[in-house]
């Protein structure tokens, strides 16, 4: 090898990539990996700058393969020697996993052209990352193929991939076999070797966030394990058949994969066919992980449709639902106010900004353009940015987390279009009707059955009234309490019990109990011992719940940290929970369950909104948005007029 002895070679100095507004003139680097006789020979390459225009003009000469792999936490400890014409050889430090990938793909005779993000993007140069990351969609679209590196050396992984291919082969050889017969045969395979498939699906690659666009945008894709290549299309089809085998055969639901494996399968089946609005992508792929929190957003940009507010579910906009004269008037007023179309949604990649600032900017855009209801769904499902990040706005969802489990009705149902909410930096100004202040809170319920029942009885007696008279001894009080719990389960305010518990039948029964059934378990259980198992299930549902009563005789339940003095407010446009759970009435139509927001008073001045040069108006009283709750009572809405609430 030319140049100075190995220990004295200088490190490679990246030549800058000049940004361009023109897509054709946009530059990228590719690795030209030089051939070698043996796997252990030093890795040598050239780094070549090419433009997208040159790829389009001379695809055969400039073609490259893009690599999809897992970074992990490995240190950059191995050397990749870079050969530069007329200059001394240099080297780059790469991770052991990248070293294994390059050695596995290196040829003996021919050069291999590759795009590997850890090498082709100068990771130490934030300006270059800001320029290259928005172009990743073009980089993967233009690659001859995307190669997924899963690793090497584990016979179990190779066996799982081989079995997946065999399943597809059998299905193709016997297309006349009924879906029922195929499903039962695959169930038998899963019962015997589900551990093999789970080990494959637990590989970190299946849970990476960046794979969403890397695979969805690929012209062609192969998965590599060791020296064997597997068609992505065939592997995906195999897991589609395995997922169907867990379906409803002869009226029986079968679960043979653990939650992590099922999540990986759902992600896999969504690839190659998914694009949408940013809020929908954040909702559907909440589980996909990345190292930097900025990439919770940036890794999805290649999948975005051109979005304008107005045409998605929990995404960039919502469906207009006009079911009353009031709703029609509200929509008409909105149309008159928005005489000009709002600016289209766009995210500028900038790793020098904080991820919290990026999340806030996205939430503020959708709040201001009529999608406040969608943001409140996300806020409840993901939690608030203010939790664990003091000083951050309480109304901004923390998309760096995985979201809550959906209730059986689904949180991602269509939500109503609402009048645009005023946003000033990190403050939103909302109109709401005060329903009361929290006077009593019950939580941390006793485990012993009789004590638990007594506690629930005291909750119901403490708040629900009819015509000013406490109804603690009437059937209506019992049904109202049951309805409160039923609605809590339907909206995920209360956590449904998991069907991986020791008694799966109990889980199904408790999660589907009607309000009257719940009240019977709670209040008649001492006379019916068969209810003991169901009571245990209900206790598990209420493990993290808090019940409360208000100054206006409302009784409510929430899964957030409520405290005495919090304010319960009916906020216009606040739809954190599915509406379907609130349409039934309780006690012959006297008591209704509905959602409301929990607000907590805080004292601020205009300078405390998060911007040092803030021009926000001062407010003597502001609030944090704590979360949603479900309330039951006959105070449908306070008689006082709506007022403005400033939410930080």
Foldseek 3Di string as FASTA:
>chain_A
DDADPPVPAAADDDDDFDFDPDQQAGKWKKWWWAAADDLPPATETEIDIDGNVVCVVCVPVPAAEEEQEDQPDFDQAGWHWYDDPPDHIHIDGHGPVVSNVSSLPHHHHHIHIYDYPPPTFPPVDQVSCLRCLLCVLVVQLSHPFYEYEQEEDDVLQVVLLVVLLVLLVVCVVCVVDDLLVSLVVLVVVLVVPVVSLQVNLPRLSLQALLVQSNQLNHPFYWYDYRNDTHGLVSSLVSLVSNVCSQPQHPNDHHDRYDPSSVLSNVSSNCGNPAAEAQQVCLQSSLRRADDALLCSRSSRSSRYDFDFEDDDFLGLYFHADDDDPVSVVQVVVQCVVCVDGDDTDDDRDGPVDHSLLRQQVSQLVSLQRFNLQSLQQQCQFQPAPCVVPPLAFQSGGSSNHRTDDAFPVGLRGTAHGGRRWDDFRRKTKFWWFFPFFWADKDAPADPDQVSNLVVLLCLLQPFADDPPHRPSPDVLSLLLSLLQLLLCRRFVLFPQDDCVDPDNVLSVCLSPDHSSRVSCLSPVCVVPVVSVSNSNRSCNRRNQKMWTHGPNRKIKMGNFDDDGGWIWIATPSHNNTDPVSFPDATDVNQKTKDKTWTKDKDADFQCSNNDNPGPDHTDGIAIETGHMMIIMYNCPGDPDGIDMHMGD
